[in-house]
Amino acid sequence: MEYVLVLDGDGQHLPEEIPAFLEAANATHAAALCETESSKYDFETEMLVIAARRGGSIATVPVSTVYGDEVSKIHPLRDTIRFFQLMHRLKHAA
């Protein structure tokens, strides 16, 4: 397996832009395959921290964000607490 690309299923990002991700991955030799304990909005943050700790290359790619009339499922207080819990867990796992 060369790459794993995770794309939200809510239609917020355009699948047509996947080639840009693959180009960036090839250019930076980015690779990350890791197990995480997260399963909500903190999942991406945990993956990035694990990849960085393993010496992986991390690249950014500008993408479109498509907003419709859907309502956000983010709960500011709950998700902020979850994020700080992740930071605490990752700090002690270092």
PDB file of N, CA and C in Angstrom:
ATOM      1  N   MET A   1       0.849  -1.165   0.000  1.00  0.00           N
ATOM      2  CA  MET A   1       0.000   0.000   0.000  1.00  0.00           C
ATOM      3  C   MET A   1       0.897   1.232   0.000  1.00  0.00           C
ATOM      4  N   GLU A   2       0.668   2.142  -0.943  1.00  0.00           N
ATOM      5  CA  GLU A   2       1.476   3.357  -1.010  1.00  0.00           C
ATOM      6  C   GLU A   2       0.886   4.493  -0.197  1.00  0.00           C
ATOM      7  N   TYR A   3      -0.423   4.733  -0.346  1.00  0.00           N
ATOM      8  CA  TYR A   3      -1.046   5.876   0.309  1.00  0.00           C
ATOM      9  C   TYR A   3      -2.421   5.496   0.834  1.00  0.00           C
ATOM     10  N   VAL A   4      -2.798   6.201   1.848  1.00  0.00           N
ATOM     11  CA  VAL A   4      -4.168   6.137   2.345  1.00  0.00           C
ATOM     12  C   VAL A   4      -4.664   7.572   2.394  1.00  0.00           C
ATOM     13  N   LEU A   5      -5.773   7.816   1.758  1.00  0.00           N
ATOM     14  CA  LEU A   5      -6.371   9.146   1.738  1.00  0.00           C
ATOM     15  C   LEU A   5      -7.755   9.035   2.353  1.00  0.00           C
ATOM     16  N   VAL A   6      -7.999   9.811   3.382  1.00  0.00           N
ATOM     17  CA  VAL A   6      -9.294   9.805   4.043  1.00  0.00           C
ATOM     18  C   VAL A   6     -10.036  11.066   3.632  1.00  0.00           C
ATOM     19  N   LEU A   7     -11.215  10.890   3.091  1.00  0.00           N
ATOM     20  CA  LEU A   7     -12.030  12.010   2.625  1.00  0.00           C
ATOM     21  C   LEU A   7     -13.373  11.923   3.339  1.00  0.00           C
ATOM     22  N   ASP A   8     -13.763  12.994   4.008  1.00  0.00           N
ATOM     23  CA  ASP A   8     -15.052  13.000   4.696  1.00  0.00           C
ATOM     24  C   ASP A   8     -16.174  12.659   3.725  1.00  0.00           C
ATOM     25  N   GLY A   9     -17.167  11.960   4.218  1.00  0.00           N
ATOM     26  CA  GLY A   9     -18.278  11.549   3.378  1.00  0.00           C
ATOM     27  C   GLY A   9     -19.427  12.545   3.349  1.00  0.00           C
ATOM     28  N   ASP A  10     -19.204  13.746   3.875  1.00  0.00           N
ATOM     29  CA  ASP A  10     -20.286  14.717   3.942  1.00  0.00           C
ATOM     30  C   ASP A  10     -20.370  15.609   2.703  1.00  0.00           C
ATOM     31  N   GLY A  11     -19.523  15.355   1.710  1.00  0.00           N
ATOM     32  CA  GLY A  11     -19.563  16.137   0.484  1.00  0.00           C
ATOM     33  C   GLY A  11     -18.918  17.501   0.598  1.00  0.00           C
ATOM     34  N   GLN A  12     -18.198  17.740   1.693  1.00  0.00           N
ATOM     35  CA  GLN A  12     -17.595  19.048   1.925  1.00  0.00           C
ATOM     36  C   GLN A  12     -16.344  19.262   1.079  1.00  0.00           C
ATOM     37  N   HIS A  13     -15.737  18.178   0.614  1.00  0.00           N
ATOM     38  CA  HIS A  13     -14.538  18.284  -0.223  1.00  0.00           C
ATOM     39  C   HIS A  13     -14.777  17.552  -1.537  1.00  0.00           C
ATOM     40  N   LEU A  14     -14.133  18.025  -2.573  1.00  0.00           N
ATOM     41  CA  LEU A  14     -14.376  17.512  -3.919  1.00  0.00           C
ATOM     42  C   LEU A  14     -13.447  16.349  -4.268  1.00  0.00           C
ATOM     43  N   PRO A  15     -14.000  15.187  -4.583  1.00  0.00           N
ATOM     44  CA  PRO A  15     -13.161  14.044  -4.972  1.00  0.00           C
ATOM     45  C   PRO A  15     -12.286  14.343  -6.187  1.00  0.00           C
ATOM     46  N   GLU A  16     -12.692  15.297  -7.020  1.00  0.00           N
ATOM     47  CA  GLU A  16     -11.904  15.652  -8.206  1.00  0.00           C
ATOM     48  C   GLU A  16     -10.527  16.199  -7.827  1.00  0.00           C
ATOM     49  N   GLU A  17     -10.360  16.615  -6.576  1.00  0.00           N
ATOM     50  CA  GLU A  17      -9.088  17.197  -6.139  1.00  0.00           C
ATOM     51  C   GLU A  17      -8.125  16.149  -5.565  1.00  0.00           C
ATOM     52  N   ILE A  18      -8.522  14.888  -5.569  1.00  0.00           N
ATOM     53  CA  ILE A  18      -7.650  13.821  -5.058  1.00  0.00           C
ATOM     54  C   ILE A  18      -6.305  13.781  -5.784  1.00  0.00           C
ATOM     55  N   PRO A  19      -6.242  13.966  -7.111  1.00  0.00           N
ATOM     56  CA  PRO A  19      -4.932  13.952  -7.772  1.00  0.00           C
ATOM     57  C   PRO A  19      -3.940  14.961  -7.182  1.00  0.00           C
ATOM     58  N   ALA A  20      -4.415  16.103  -6.708  1.00  0.00           N
ATOM     59  CA  ALA A  20      -3.518  17.086  -6.088  1.00  0.00           C
ATOM     60  C   ALA A  20      -2.892  16.511  -4.821  1.00  0.00           C
ATOM     61  N   PHE A  21      -3.660  15.750  -4.057  1.00  0.00           N
ATOM     62  CA  PHE A  21      -3.116  15.101  -2.861  1.00  0.00           C
ATOM     63  C   PHE A  21      -2.046  14.083  -3.243  1.00  0.00           C
ATOM     64  N   LEU A  22      -2.318  13.303  -4.258  1.00  0.00           N
ATOM     65  CA  LEU A  22      -1.349  12.288  -4.679  1.00  0.00           C
ATOM     66  C   LEU A  22      -0.070  12.922  -5.211  1.00  0.00           C
ATOM     67  N   GLU A  23      -0.199  14.039  -5.923  1.00  0.00           N
ATOM     68  CA  GLU A  23       0.990  14.752  -6.401  1.00  0.00           C
ATOM     69  C   GLU A  23       1.833  15.239  -5.223  1.00  0.00           C
ATOM     70  N   ALA A  24       1.182  15.792  -4.208  1.00  0.00           N
ATOM     71  CA  ALA A  24       1.907  16.264  -3.025  1.00  0.00           C
ATOM     72  C   ALA A  24       2.557  15.100  -2.292  1.00  0.00           C
ATOM     73  N   ALA A  25       1.857  13.988  -2.187  1.00  0.00           N
ATOM     74  CA  ALA A  25       2.422  12.814  -1.519  1.00  0.00           C
ATOM     75  C   ALA A  25       3.653  12.307  -2.264  1.00  0.00           C
ATOM     76  N   ASN A  26       3.590  12.272  -3.580  1.00  0.00           N
ATOM     77  CA  ASN A  26       4.746  11.836  -4.370  1.00  0.00           C
ATOM     78  C   ASN A  26       5.911  12.807  -4.236  1.00  0.00           C
ATOM     79  N   ALA A  27       5.609  14.099  -4.221  1.00  0.00           N
ATOM     80  CA  ALA A  27       6.665  15.111  -4.149  1.00  0.00           C
ATOM     81  C   ALA A  27       7.363  15.126  -2.796  1.00  0.00           C
ATOM     82  N   THR A  28       6.630  14.814  -1.730  1.00  0.00           N
ATOM     83  CA  THR A  28       7.209  14.892  -0.388  1.00  0.00           C
ATOM     84  C   THR A  28       7.535  13.530   0.206  1.00  0.00           C
ATOM     85  N   HIS A  29       7.196  12.483  -0.526  1.00  0.00           N
ATOM     86  CA  HIS A  29       7.365  11.107  -0.030  1.00  0.00           C
ATOM     87  C   HIS A  29       6.602  10.922   1.278  1.00  0.00           C
ATOM     88  N   ALA A  30       5.458  11.601   1.388  1.00  0.00           N
ATOM     89  CA  ALA A  30       4.642  11.532   2.610  1.00  0.00           C
ATOM     90  C   ALA A  30       4.060  10.135   2.751  1.00  0.00           C
ATOM     91  N   ALA A  31       4.055   9.670   3.962  1.00  0.00           N
ATOM     92  CA  ALA A  31       3.443   8.379   4.252  1.00  0.00           C
ATOM     93  C   ALA A  31       3.046   8.346   5.713  1.00  0.00           C
ATOM     94  N   ALA A  32       1.875   7.907   5.962  1.00  0.00           N
ATOM     95  CA  ALA A  32       1.440   7.746   7.349  1.00  0.00           C
ATOM     96  C   ALA A  32       0.396   6.645   7.394  1.00  0.00           C
ATOM     97  N   LEU A  33       0.670   5.652   8.156  1.00  0.00           N
ATOM     98  CA  LEU A  33      -0.298   4.601   8.404  1.00  0.00           C
ATOM     99  C   LEU A  33      -0.163   4.290   9.874  1.00  0.00           C
ATOM    100  N   CYS A  34      -1.174   4.611  10.613  1.00  0.00           N
ATOM    101  CA  CYS A  34      -1.046   4.475  12.052  1.00  0.00           C
ATOM    102  C   CYS A  34      -2.381   4.137  12.679  1.00  0.00           C
ATOM    103  N   GLU A  35      -2.294   3.554  13.845  1.00  0.00           N
ATOM    104  CA  GLU A  35      -3.489   3.289  14.627  1.00  0.00           C
ATOM    105  C   GLU A  35      -3.727   4.478  15.536  1.00  0.00           C
ATOM    106  N   THR A  36      -4.986   4.852  15.661  1.00  0.00           N
ATOM    107  CA  THR A  36      -5.332   5.965  16.540  1.00  0.00           C
ATOM    108  C   THR A  36      -6.408   5.508  17.525  1.00  0.00           C
ATOM    109  N   GLU A  37      -6.501   6.237  18.611  1.00  0.00           N
ATOM    110  CA  GLU A  37      -7.568   5.992  19.573  1.00  0.00           C
ATOM    111  C   GLU A  37      -8.749   6.914  19.316  1.00  0.00           C
ATOM    112  N   SER A  38      -8.551   7.909  18.479  1.00  0.00           N
ATOM    113  CA  SER A  38      -9.584   8.905  18.210  1.00  0.00           C
ATOM    114  C   SER A  38     -10.554   8.394  17.162  1.00  0.00           C
ATOM    115  N   SER A  39     -11.758   8.914  17.225  1.00  0.00           N
ATOM    116  CA  SER A  39     -12.745   8.503  16.234  1.00  0.00           C
ATOM    117  C   SER A  39     -13.667   9.648  15.815  1.00  0.00           C
ATOM    118  N   LYS A  40     -13.442  10.817  16.338  1.00  0.00           N
ATOM    119  CA  LYS A  40     -14.299  11.959  16.014  1.00  0.00           C
ATOM    120  C   LYS A  40     -13.453  13.027  15.319  1.00  0.00           C
ATOM    121  N   TYR A  41     -13.703  14.286  15.650  1.00  0.00           N
ATOM    122  CA  TYR A  41     -13.018  15.391  14.982  1.00  0.00           C
ATOM    123  C   TYR A  41     -11.530  15.476  15.339  1.00  0.00           C
ATOM    124  N   ASP A  42     -11.103  14.763  16.356  1.00  0.00           N
ATOM    125  CA  ASP A  42      -9.693  14.800  16.740  1.00  0.00           C
ATOM    126  C   ASP A  42      -8.862  13.753  15.996  1.00  0.00           C
ATOM    127  N   PHE A  43      -9.497  12.939  15.158  1.00  0.00           N
ATOM    128  CA  PHE A  43      -8.820  11.870  14.431  1.00  0.00           C
ATOM    129  C   PHE A  43      -7.673  12.405  13.570  1.00  0.00           C
ATOM    130  N   GLU A  44      -7.952  13.438  12.778  1.00  0.00           N
ATOM    131  CA  GLU A  44      -6.919  13.979  11.881  1.00  0.00           C
ATOM    132  C   GLU A  44      -5.746  14.542  12.664  1.00  0.00           C
ATOM    133  N   THR A  45      -6.027  15.210  13.776  1.00  0.00           N
ATOM    134  CA  THR A  45      -4.951  15.772  14.598  1.00  0.00           C
ATOM    135  C   THR A  45      -4.059  14.668  15.132  1.00  0.00           C
ATOM    136  N   GLU A  46      -4.662  13.602  15.629  1.00  0.00           N
ATOM    137  CA  GLU A  46      -3.860  12.500  16.161  1.00  0.00           C
ATOM    138  C   GLU A  46      -3.021  11.846  15.063  1.00  0.00           C
ATOM    139  N   MET A  47      -3.584  11.665  13.877  1.00  0.00           N
ATOM    140  CA  MET A  47      -2.814  11.081  12.772  1.00  0.00           C
ATOM    141  C   MET A  47      -1.612  11.945  12.427  1.00  0.00           C
ATOM    142  N   LEU A  48      -1.795  13.264  12.383  1.00  0.00           N
ATOM    143  CA  LEU A  48      -0.693  14.168  12.048  1.00  0.00           C
ATOM    144  C   LEU A  48       0.408  14.130  13.107  1.00  0.00           C
ATOM    145  N   VAL A  49       0.024  14.102  14.375  1.00  0.00           N
ATOM    146  CA  VAL A  49       1.018  14.046  15.452  1.00  0.00           C
ATOM    147  C   VAL A  49       1.810  12.741  15.370  1.00  0.00           C
ATOM    148  N   ILE A  50       1.129  11.630  15.165  1.00  0.00           N
ATOM    149  CA  ILE A  50       1.817  10.335  15.072  1.00  0.00           C
ATOM    150  C   ILE A  50       2.755  10.316  13.870  1.00  0.00           C
ATOM    151  N   ALA A  51       2.280  10.814  12.732  1.00  0.00           N
ATOM    152  CA  ALA A  51       3.125  10.837  11.528  1.00  0.00           C
ATOM    153  C   ALA A  51       4.362  11.697  11.755  1.00  0.00           C
ATOM    154  N   ALA A  52       4.195  12.856  12.376  1.00  0.00           N
ATOM    155  CA  ALA A  52       5.337  13.746  12.639  1.00  0.00           C
ATOM    156  C   ALA A  52       6.325  13.088  13.595  1.00  0.00           C
ATOM    157  N   ARG A  53       5.825  12.431  14.621  1.00  0.00           N
ATOM    158  CA  ARG A  53       6.720  11.759  15.576  1.00  0.00           C
ATOM    159  C   ARG A  53       7.496  10.624  14.927  1.00  0.00           C
ATOM    160  N   ARG A  54       6.928  10.030  13.900  1.00  0.00           N
ATOM    161  CA  ARG A  54       7.616   8.944  13.187  1.00  0.00           C
ATOM    162  C   ARG A  54       8.522   9.476  12.085  1.00  0.00           C
ATOM    163  N   GLY A  55       8.641  10.797  11.986  1.00  0.00           N
ATOM    164  CA  GLY A  55       9.514  11.388  10.982  1.00  0.00           C
ATOM    165  C   GLY A  55       8.889  11.497   9.614  1.00  0.00           C
ATOM    166  N   GLY A  56       7.593  11.364   9.535  1.00  0.00           N
ATOM    167  CA  GLY A  56       6.908  11.430   8.249  1.00  0.00           C
ATOM    168  C   GLY A  56       6.854  12.842   7.697  1.00  0.00           C
ATOM    169  N   SER A  57       6.769  12.926   6.400  1.00  0.00           N
ATOM    170  CA  SER A  57       6.605  14.215   5.737  1.00  0.00           C
ATOM    171  C   SER A  57       5.131  14.567   5.713  1.00  0.00           C
ATOM    172  N   ILE A  58       4.834  15.804   6.038  1.00  0.00           N
ATOM    173  CA  ILE A  58       3.453  16.270   6.027  1.00  0.00           C
ATOM    174  C   ILE A  58       3.377  17.444   5.067  1.00  0.00           C
ATOM    175  N   ALA A  59       2.449  17.364   4.147  1.00  0.00           N
ATOM    176  CA  ALA A  59       2.306  18.415   3.146  1.00  0.00           C
ATOM    177  C   ALA A  59       0.891  18.972   3.205  1.00  0.00           C
ATOM    178  N   THR A  60       0.747  20.212   2.818  1.00  0.00           N
ATOM    179  CA  THR A  60      -0.576  20.801   2.714  1.00  0.00           C
ATOM    180  C   THR A  60      -0.929  20.978   1.246  1.00  0.00           C
ATOM    181  N   VAL A  61      -2.191  20.830   0.949  1.00  0.00           N
ATOM    182  CA  VAL A  61      -2.690  20.980  -0.406  1.00  0.00           C
ATOM    183  C   VAL A  61      -3.937  21.858  -0.340  1.00  0.00           C
ATOM    184  N   PRO A  62      -3.959  22.958  -1.090  1.00  0.00           N
ATOM    185  CA  PRO A  62      -5.166  23.787  -1.075  1.00  0.00           C
ATOM    186  C   PRO A  62      -6.326  23.037  -1.744  1.00  0.00           C
ATOM    187  N   VAL A  63      -7.457  22.998  -1.067  1.00  0.00           N
ATOM    188  CA  VAL A  63      -8.638  22.332  -1.611  1.00  0.00           C
ATOM    189  C   VAL A  63      -9.852  23.225  -1.437  1.00  0.00           C
ATOM    190  N   SER A  64     -10.851  22.954  -2.226  1.00  0.00           N
ATOM    191  CA  SER A  64     -12.109  23.672  -2.112  1.00  0.00           C
ATOM    192  C   SER A  64     -12.897  23.111  -0.936  1.00  0.00           C
ATOM    193  N   THR A  65     -13.682  23.945  -0.328  1.00  0.00           N
ATOM    194  CA  THR A  65     -14.602  23.506   0.709  1.00  0.00           C
ATOM    195  C   THR A  65     -15.999  23.906   0.266  1.00  0.00           C
ATOM    196  N   VAL A  66     -16.877  22.934   0.208  1.00  0.00           N
ATOM    197  CA  VAL A  66     -18.222  23.144  -0.291  1.00  0.00           C
ATOM    198  C   VAL A  66     -19.183  23.148   0.895  1.00  0.00           C
ATOM    199  N   TYR A  67     -19.846  24.267   1.092  1.00  0.00           N
ATOM    200  CA  TYR A  67     -20.834  24.365   2.163  1.00  0.00           C
ATOM    201  C   TYR A  67     -22.224  24.458   1.556  1.00  0.00           C
ATOM    202  N   GLY A  68     -23.102  23.621   2.042  1.00  0.00           N
ATOM    203  CA  GLY A  68     -24.503  23.671   1.624  1.00  0.00           C
ATOM    204  C   GLY A  68     -25.334  24.205   2.770  1.00  0.00           C
ATOM    205  N   ASP A  69     -26.527  23.705   2.885  1.00  0.00           N
ATOM    206  CA  ASP A  69     -27.401  24.165   3.956  1.00  0.00           C
ATOM    207  C   ASP A  69     -27.406  23.221   5.157  1.00  0.00           C
ATOM    208  N   GLU A  70     -26.448  22.282   5.189  1.00  0.00           N
ATOM    209  CA  GLU A  70     -26.382  21.348   6.310  1.00  0.00           C
ATOM    210  C   GLU A  70     -25.979  22.072   7.593  1.00  0.00           C
ATOM    211  N   VAL A  71     -26.305  21.483   8.693  1.00  0.00           N
ATOM    212  CA  VAL A  71     -25.998  22.044   9.999  1.00  0.00           C
ATOM    213  C   VAL A  71     -24.769  21.335  10.555  1.00  0.00           C
ATOM    214  N   SER A  72     -23.826  22.094  11.077  1.00  0.00           N
ATOM    215  CA  SER A  72     -22.606  21.521  11.634  1.00  0.00           C
ATOM    216  C   SER A  72     -22.932  20.610  12.811  1.00  0.00           C
ATOM    217  N   LYS A  73     -22.189  19.527  12.905  1.00  0.00           N
ATOM    218  CA  LYS A  73     -22.349  18.595  14.020  1.00  0.00           C
ATOM    219  C   LYS A  73     -21.304  18.824  15.096  1.00  0.00           C
ATOM    220  N   ILE A  74     -20.515  19.876  14.934  1.00  0.00           N
ATOM    221  CA  ILE A  74     -19.503  20.202  15.940  1.00  0.00           C
ATOM    222  C   ILE A  74     -20.198  20.838  17.140  1.00  0.00           C
ATOM    223  N   HIS A  75     -19.840  20.349  18.322  1.00  0.00           N
ATOM    224  CA  HIS A  75     -20.326  20.912  19.578  1.00  0.00           C
ATOM    225  C   HIS A  75     -19.130  21.599  20.221  1.00  0.00           C
ATOM    226  N   PRO A  76     -19.073  22.932  20.191  1.00  0.00           N
ATOM    227  CA  PRO A  76     -17.876  23.659  20.624  1.00  0.00           C
ATOM    228  C   PRO A  76     -17.328  23.240  21.983  1.00  0.00           C
ATOM    229  N   LEU A  77     -18.147  23.154  23.004  1.00  0.00           N
ATOM    230  CA  LEU A  77     -17.639  22.809  24.326  1.00  0.00           C
ATOM    231  C   LEU A  77     -17.162  21.363  24.377  1.00  0.00           C
ATOM    232  N   ARG A  78     -18.011  20.447  23.975  1.00  0.00           N
ATOM    233  CA  ARG A  78     -17.656  19.026  24.010  1.00  0.00           C
ATOM    234  C   ARG A  78     -16.423  18.727  23.159  1.00  0.00           C
ATOM    235  N   ASP A  79     -16.380  19.260  21.954  1.00  0.00           N
ATOM    236  CA  ASP A  79     -15.271  18.951  21.060  1.00  0.00           C
ATOM    237  C   ASP A  79     -13.982  19.643  21.485  1.00  0.00           C
ATOM    238  N   THR A  80     -14.074  20.809  22.126  1.00  0.00           N
ATOM    239  CA  THR A  80     -12.882  21.461  22.677  1.00  0.00           C
ATOM    240  C   THR A  80     -12.320  20.636  23.826  1.00  0.00           C
ATOM    241  N   ILE A  81     -13.184  20.135  24.684  1.00  0.00           N
ATOM    242  CA  ILE A  81     -12.735  19.261  25.781  1.00  0.00           C
ATOM    243  C   ILE A  81     -12.076  18.007  25.210  1.00  0.00           C
ATOM    244  N   ARG A  82     -12.687  17.415  24.197  1.00  0.00           N
ATOM    245  CA  ARG A  82     -12.116  16.213  23.568  1.00  0.00           C
ATOM    246  C   ARG A  82     -10.731  16.515  22.983  1.00  0.00           C
ATOM    247  N   PHE A  83     -10.568  17.690  22.374  1.00  0.00           N
ATOM    248  CA  PHE A  83      -9.287  18.065  21.788  1.00  0.00           C
ATOM    249  C   PHE A  83      -8.218  18.200  22.876  1.00  0.00           C
ATOM    250  N   PHE A  84      -8.555  18.862  23.992  1.00  0.00           N
ATOM    251  CA  PHE A  84      -7.583  19.009  25.083  1.00  0.00           C
ATOM    252  C   PHE A  84      -7.254  17.667  25.728  1.00  0.00           C
ATOM    253  N   GLN A  85      -8.221  16.766  25.785  1.00  0.00           N
ATOM    254  CA  GLN A  85      -7.940  15.420  26.283  1.00  0.00           C
ATOM    255  C   GLN A  85      -6.957  14.712  25.355  1.00  0.00           C
ATOM    256  N   LEU A  86      -7.123  14.898  24.064  1.00  0.00           N
ATOM    257  CA  LEU A  86      -6.188  14.315  23.104  1.00  0.00           C
ATOM    258  C   LEU A  86      -4.788  14.888  23.313  1.00  0.00           C
ATOM    259  N   MET A  87      -4.687  16.207  23.456  1.00  0.00           N
ATOM    260  CA  MET A  87      -3.377  16.828  23.661  1.00  0.00           C
ATOM    261  C   MET A  87      -2.718  16.286  24.938  1.00  0.00           C
ATOM    262  N   HIS A  88      -3.487  16.114  25.978  1.00  0.00           N
ATOM    263  CA  HIS A  88      -2.955  15.572  27.234  1.00  0.00           C
ATOM    264  C   HIS A  88      -2.466  14.125  27.024  1.00  0.00           C
ATOM    265  N   ARG A  89      -3.272  13.325  26.336  1.00  0.00           N
ATOM    266  CA  ARG A  89      -2.895  11.923  26.073  1.00  0.00           C
ATOM    267  C   ARG A  89      -1.638  11.852  25.220  1.00  0.00           C
ATOM    268  N   LEU A  90      -1.565  12.678  24.172  1.00  0.00           N
ATOM    269  CA  LEU A  90      -0.404  12.648  23.290  1.00  0.00           C
ATOM    270  C   LEU A  90       0.851  13.148  23.995  1.00  0.00           C
ATOM    271  N   LYS A  91       0.694  14.124  24.877  1.00  0.00           N
ATOM    272  CA  LYS A  91       1.843  14.636  25.622  1.00  0.00           C
ATOM    273  C   LYS A  91       2.446  13.542  26.491  1.00  0.00           C
ATOM    274  N   HIS A  92       1.611  12.754  27.123  1.00  0.00           N
ATOM    275  CA  HIS A  92       2.097  11.701  28.012  1.00  0.00           C
ATOM    276  C   HIS A  92       2.527  10.447  27.261  1.00  0.00           C
ATOM    277  N   ALA A  93       2.162  10.354  25.990  1.00  0.00           N
ATOM    278  CA  ALA A  93       2.572   9.210  25.178  1.00  0.00           C
ATOM    279  C   ALA A  93       3.917   9.476  24.489  1.00  0.00           C
ATOM    280  N   ALA A  94       4.396  10.698  24.571  1.00  0.00           N
ATOM    281  CA  ALA A  94       5.635  11.070  23.860  1.00  0.00           C
ATOM    282  C   ALA A  94       6.841  10.392  24.483  1.00  0.00           C
TER     283      ALA A  94
END
